[in-house]
Amino acid sequence: MRTQEQQIRHIKAWQMSGLTQAAYCRDHGLNSKTFGNWLRTYRDVQKHSQRTSLIPVTIRTTAATTSGYLKLRCSGGHTLELPSDVSPQWLGELLKCLD
């Protein structure tokens, strides 16, 4: 088994190589499925270690506000309607997934 540092070195070398994963693995004597697992783990770690980004929000009070629902309108035109008592932590996790 290779150390995590060796795995990361291979991933970065592959990214710079311009080769497909299969070709890189063949050239370096690596199992392509194992390499794929390393890459998946590496990307998961990278994704979770990224700094949280802020999303600009404008709060508007309308007559619909009293309906008990929270409407989120995205810049792409999509609207998400949620119960107004939704947990702020849950909503934060949802927004991270949509980012």
N, C-alpha and C. Protein backbone atom coordinates (compact mmCIF):
# COMPACT_ATOMS: atom_id res chain seq x y z
N MET A 1 0.85 -1.19 0.00
CA MET A 1 0.00 0.00 0.00
C MET A 1 0.89 1.25 0.00
N ARG A 2 0.46 2.23 -0.72
CA ARG A 2 1.22 3.47 -0.82
C ARG A 2 0.77 4.46 0.24
N THR A 3 1.69 5.31 0.65
CA THR A 3 1.33 6.32 1.63
C THR A 3 0.47 7.38 0.97
N GLN A 4 -0.23 8.12 1.79
CA GLN A 4 -1.10 9.18 1.27
C GLN A 4 -0.29 10.20 0.47
N GLU A 5 0.92 10.50 0.93
CA GLU A 5 1.77 11.45 0.20
C GLU A 5 2.11 10.93 -1.20
N GLN A 6 2.40 9.65 -1.29
CA GLN A 6 2.70 9.06 -2.59
C GLN A 6 1.47 9.11 -3.50
N GLN A 7 0.30 8.84 -2.90
CA GLN A 7 -0.94 8.89 -3.68
C GLN A 7 -1.16 10.29 -4.24
N ILE A 8 -0.99 11.29 -3.40
CA ILE A 8 -1.19 12.68 -3.83
C ILE A 8 -0.17 13.06 -4.90
N ARG A 9 1.07 12.61 -4.75
CA ARG A 9 2.08 12.89 -5.78
C ARG A 9 1.66 12.29 -7.11
N HIS A 10 1.14 11.06 -7.08
CA HIS A 10 0.68 10.43 -8.32
C HIS A 10 -0.51 11.20 -8.92
N ILE A 11 -1.43 11.62 -8.07
CA ILE A 11 -2.61 12.36 -8.57
C ILE A 11 -2.17 13.66 -9.24
N LYS A 12 -1.27 14.39 -8.59
CA LYS A 12 -0.81 15.66 -9.17
C LYS A 12 0.00 15.43 -10.45
N ALA A 13 0.80 14.38 -10.46
CA ALA A 13 1.58 14.06 -11.66
C ALA A 13 0.63 13.68 -12.80
N TRP A 14 -0.39 12.92 -12.49
CA TRP A 14 -1.37 12.55 -13.51
C TRP A 14 -2.06 13.80 -14.07
N GLN A 15 -2.48 14.73 -13.17
CA GLN A 15 -3.15 15.94 -13.62
C GLN A 15 -2.28 16.76 -14.56
N MET A 16 -0.99 16.77 -14.31
CA MET A 16 -0.06 17.54 -15.15
C MET A 16 0.32 16.79 -16.42
N SER A 17 0.10 15.49 -16.44
CA SER A 17 0.60 14.67 -17.55
C SER A 17 -0.19 14.81 -18.85
N GLY A 18 -1.46 15.14 -18.74
CA GLY A 18 -2.30 15.19 -19.94
C GLY A 18 -2.75 13.80 -20.40
N LEU A 19 -2.39 12.78 -19.64
CA LEU A 19 -2.78 11.41 -19.98
C LEU A 19 -4.14 11.07 -19.38
N THR A 20 -4.77 10.07 -19.94
CA THR A 20 -5.98 9.55 -19.29
C THR A 20 -5.53 8.83 -18.02
N GLN A 21 -6.48 8.59 -17.13
CA GLN A 21 -6.14 7.86 -15.91
C GLN A 21 -5.59 6.48 -16.24
N ALA A 22 -6.24 5.82 -17.19
CA ALA A 22 -5.82 4.46 -17.57
C ALA A 22 -4.39 4.46 -18.11
N ALA A 23 -4.07 5.42 -18.96
CA ALA A 23 -2.72 5.48 -19.55
C ALA A 23 -1.69 5.80 -18.47
N TYR A 24 -2.00 6.73 -17.59
CA TYR A 24 -1.06 7.07 -16.51
C TYR A 24 -0.81 5.85 -15.63
N CYS A 25 -1.89 5.16 -15.26
CA CYS A 25 -1.75 3.97 -14.41
C CYS A 25 -0.92 2.89 -15.09
N ARG A 26 -1.18 2.68 -16.36
CA ARG A 26 -0.43 1.68 -17.13
C ARG A 26 1.07 2.03 -17.14
N ASP A 27 1.37 3.30 -17.39
CA ASP A 27 2.76 3.76 -17.47
C ASP A 27 3.49 3.66 -16.12
N HIS A 28 2.72 3.73 -15.01
CA HIS A 28 3.34 3.74 -13.67
C HIS A 28 3.07 2.47 -12.87
N GLY A 29 2.50 1.47 -13.53
CA GLY A 29 2.27 0.20 -12.86
C GLY A 29 1.25 0.27 -11.73
N LEU A 30 0.24 1.13 -11.90
CA LEU A 30 -0.80 1.28 -10.87
C LEU A 30 -2.09 0.62 -11.32
N ASN A 31 -2.84 0.12 -10.37
CA ASN A 31 -4.16 -0.41 -10.65
C ASN A 31 -5.10 0.77 -10.87
N SER A 32 -5.78 0.82 -12.00
CA SER A 32 -6.60 1.99 -12.33
C SER A 32 -7.80 2.14 -11.38
N LYS A 33 -8.35 1.04 -10.89
CA LYS A 33 -9.47 1.15 -9.93
C LYS A 33 -8.98 1.70 -8.60
N THR A 34 -7.82 1.26 -8.18
CA THR A 34 -7.24 1.78 -6.94
C THR A 34 -6.94 3.26 -7.09
N PHE A 35 -6.37 3.64 -8.23
CA PHE A 35 -6.08 5.05 -8.50
C PHE A 35 -7.37 5.88 -8.47
N GLY A 36 -8.44 5.34 -9.05
CA GLY A 36 -9.74 6.02 -9.03
C GLY A 36 -10.23 6.24 -7.61
N ASN A 37 -10.00 5.26 -6.74
CA ASN A 37 -10.38 5.42 -5.33
C ASN A 37 -9.55 6.51 -4.65
N TRP A 38 -8.24 6.54 -4.95
CA TRP A 38 -7.39 7.60 -4.40
C TRP A 38 -7.90 8.96 -4.83
N LEU A 39 -8.23 9.06 -6.12
CA LEU A 39 -8.68 10.33 -6.68
C LEU A 39 -10.00 10.78 -6.05
N ARG A 40 -10.91 9.85 -5.87
CA ARG A 40 -12.21 10.17 -5.25
C ARG A 40 -11.99 10.69 -3.82
N THR A 41 -11.15 10.00 -3.06
CA THR A 41 -10.85 10.42 -1.69
C THR A 41 -10.19 11.79 -1.68
N TYR A 42 -9.22 11.99 -2.58
CA TYR A 42 -8.52 13.27 -2.68
C TYR A 42 -9.49 14.41 -2.98
N ARG A 43 -10.39 14.19 -3.92
CA ARG A 43 -11.36 15.23 -4.29
C ARG A 43 -12.34 15.51 -3.15
N ASP A 44 -12.75 14.47 -2.43
CA ASP A 44 -13.63 14.66 -1.27
C ASP A 44 -12.96 15.51 -0.21
N VAL A 45 -11.70 15.22 0.06
CA VAL A 45 -10.95 15.99 1.06
C VAL A 45 -10.80 17.44 0.60
N GLN A 46 -10.48 17.64 -0.69
CA GLN A 46 -10.34 18.99 -1.22
C GLN A 46 -11.65 19.76 -1.11
N LYS A 47 -12.74 19.11 -1.43
CA LYS A 47 -14.05 19.75 -1.40
C LYS A 47 -14.42 20.17 0.03
N HIS A 48 -14.15 19.31 1.00
CA HIS A 48 -14.52 19.59 2.38
C HIS A 48 -13.57 20.55 3.07
N SER A 49 -12.38 20.72 2.53
CA SER A 49 -11.42 21.63 3.15
C SER A 49 -11.51 23.04 2.57
N GLN A 50 -12.34 23.23 1.55
CA GLN A 50 -12.48 24.56 0.97
C GLN A 50 -13.16 25.48 1.97
N ARG A 51 -12.78 26.73 1.93
CA ARG A 51 -13.38 27.71 2.82
C ARG A 51 -14.83 27.92 2.42
N THR A 52 -15.64 28.18 3.40
CA THR A 52 -17.05 28.45 3.16
C THR A 52 -17.18 29.76 2.41
N SER A 53 -18.00 29.75 1.38
CA SER A 53 -18.21 30.98 0.63
C SER A 53 -19.53 31.61 1.07
N LEU A 54 -19.57 32.90 0.96
CA LEU A 54 -20.79 33.62 1.32
C LEU A 54 -21.64 33.83 0.08
N ILE A 55 -22.93 33.70 0.26
CA ILE A 55 -23.87 33.89 -0.82
C ILE A 55 -24.66 35.16 -0.51
N PRO A 56 -24.68 36.12 -1.43
CA PRO A 56 -25.43 37.35 -1.16
C PRO A 56 -26.92 37.05 -1.04
N VAL A 57 -27.55 37.65 -0.03
CA VAL A 57 -28.97 37.42 0.23
C VAL A 57 -29.66 38.76 0.40
N THR A 58 -30.82 38.88 -0.21
CA THR A 58 -31.66 40.05 -0.02
C THR A 58 -32.95 39.58 0.64
N ILE A 59 -33.32 40.18 1.76
CA ILE A 59 -34.53 39.78 2.46
C ILE A 59 -35.60 40.82 2.16
N ARG A 60 -36.72 40.31 1.65
CA ARG A 60 -37.85 41.19 1.33
C ARG A 60 -39.07 40.72 2.11
N THR A 61 -39.74 41.65 2.76
CA THR A 61 -40.97 41.33 3.47
C THR A 61 -42.13 41.63 2.55
N THR A 62 -42.97 40.62 2.35
CA THR A 62 -44.15 40.79 1.51
C THR A 62 -45.34 40.21 2.24
N ALA A 63 -46.50 40.36 1.66
CA ALA A 63 -47.70 39.77 2.24
C ALA A 63 -47.57 38.25 2.32
N ALA A 64 -46.82 37.67 1.40
CA ALA A 64 -46.65 36.22 1.38
C ALA A 64 -45.80 35.73 2.55
N THR A 65 -45.07 36.64 3.21
CA THR A 65 -44.21 36.25 4.32
C THR A 65 -45.02 35.61 5.45
N THR A 66 -46.24 36.04 5.62
CA THR A 66 -47.09 35.50 6.68
C THR A 66 -47.67 34.14 6.33
N SER A 67 -47.38 33.62 5.14
CA SER A 67 -47.93 32.33 4.73
C SER A 67 -47.27 31.16 5.42
N GLY A 68 -46.16 31.39 6.13
CA GLY A 68 -45.48 30.31 6.80
C GLY A 68 -44.43 29.63 5.94
N TYR A 69 -44.10 30.21 4.79
CA TYR A 69 -43.11 29.64 3.90
C TYR A 69 -41.99 30.63 3.63
N LEU A 70 -40.84 30.08 3.39
CA LEU A 70 -39.66 30.85 3.04
C LEU A 70 -39.35 30.54 1.59
N LYS A 71 -39.26 31.56 0.76
CA LYS A 71 -38.95 31.35 -0.65
C LYS A 71 -37.54 31.84 -0.94
N LEU A 72 -36.76 30.96 -1.53
CA LEU A 72 -35.41 31.33 -1.95
C LEU A 72 -35.40 31.40 -3.46
N ARG A 73 -35.07 32.56 -3.99
CA ARG A 73 -35.00 32.73 -5.44
C ARG A 73 -33.54 32.84 -5.83
N CYS A 74 -33.12 31.92 -6.65
CA CYS A 74 -31.72 31.90 -7.10
C CYS A 74 -31.56 32.78 -8.32
N SER A 75 -30.33 33.20 -8.59
CA SER A 75 -30.07 34.08 -9.72
C SER A 75 -30.41 33.40 -11.04
N GLY A 76 -30.42 32.07 -11.09
CA GLY A 76 -30.75 31.35 -12.31
C GLY A 76 -32.24 31.26 -12.57
N GLY A 77 -33.05 31.85 -11.68
CA GLY A 77 -34.49 31.84 -11.88
C GLY A 77 -35.22 30.74 -11.12
N HIS A 78 -34.49 29.86 -10.47
CA HIS A 78 -35.12 28.79 -9.71
C HIS A 78 -35.63 29.33 -8.38
N THR A 79 -36.75 28.78 -7.91
CA THR A 79 -37.31 29.15 -6.62
C THR A 79 -37.47 27.91 -5.76
N LEU A 80 -37.05 28.01 -4.51
CA LEU A 80 -37.19 26.93 -3.56
C LEU A 80 -38.07 27.43 -2.43
N GLU A 81 -39.16 26.71 -2.15
CA GLU A 81 -40.09 27.11 -1.11
C GLU A 81 -39.97 26.13 0.05
N LEU A 82 -39.69 26.66 1.24
CA LEU A 82 -39.47 25.84 2.43
C LEU A 82 -40.36 26.33 3.57
N PRO A 83 -40.67 25.46 4.53
CA PRO A 83 -41.41 25.92 5.71
C PRO A 83 -40.60 26.99 6.44
N SER A 84 -41.26 27.98 6.99
CA SER A 84 -40.54 29.09 7.64
C SER A 84 -39.84 28.65 8.92
N ASP A 85 -40.21 27.51 9.47
CA ASP A 85 -39.57 27.05 10.70
C ASP A 85 -38.40 26.09 10.43
N VAL A 86 -37.90 26.08 9.20
CA VAL A 86 -36.78 25.20 8.84
C VAL A 86 -35.56 25.56 9.69
N SER A 87 -34.81 24.56 10.08
CA SER A 87 -33.62 24.76 10.91
C SER A 87 -32.57 25.55 10.14
N PRO A 88 -32.01 26.60 10.75
CA PRO A 88 -30.95 27.37 10.08
C PRO A 88 -29.74 26.49 9.73
N GLN A 89 -29.40 25.52 10.58
CA GLN A 89 -28.28 24.64 10.31
C GLN A 89 -28.57 23.80 9.07
N TRP A 90 -29.79 23.27 8.97
CA TRP A 90 -30.17 22.46 7.81
C TRP A 90 -30.13 23.30 6.55
N LEU A 91 -30.66 24.52 6.64
CA LEU A 91 -30.67 25.41 5.49
C LEU A 91 -29.24 25.75 5.05
N GLY A 92 -28.35 25.96 6.02
CA GLY A 92 -26.96 26.22 5.70
C GLY A 92 -26.31 25.06 4.96
N GLU A 93 -26.60 23.83 5.41
CA GLU A 93 -26.06 22.64 4.74
C GLU A 93 -26.62 22.53 3.31
N LEU A 94 -27.91 22.82 3.16
CA LEU A 94 -28.53 22.79 1.85
C LEU A 94 -27.86 23.78 0.91
N LEU A 95 -27.64 24.98 1.38
CA LEU A 95 -27.02 26.00 0.54
C LEU A 95 -25.59 25.63 0.16
N LYS A 96 -24.87 24.95 1.05
CA LYS A 96 -23.53 24.48 0.71
C LYS A 96 -23.59 23.49 -0.44
N CYS A 97 -24.61 22.63 -0.42
CA CYS A 97 -24.75 21.62 -1.49
C CYS A 97 -25.11 22.26 -2.82
N LEU A 98 -25.83 23.36 -2.79
CA LEU A 98 -26.27 24.03 -4.00
C LEU A 98 -25.20 24.93 -4.59
N ASP A 99 -24.18 25.25 -3.81
CA ASP A 99 -23.14 26.16 -4.26
C ASP A 99 -22.37 25.62 -5.42
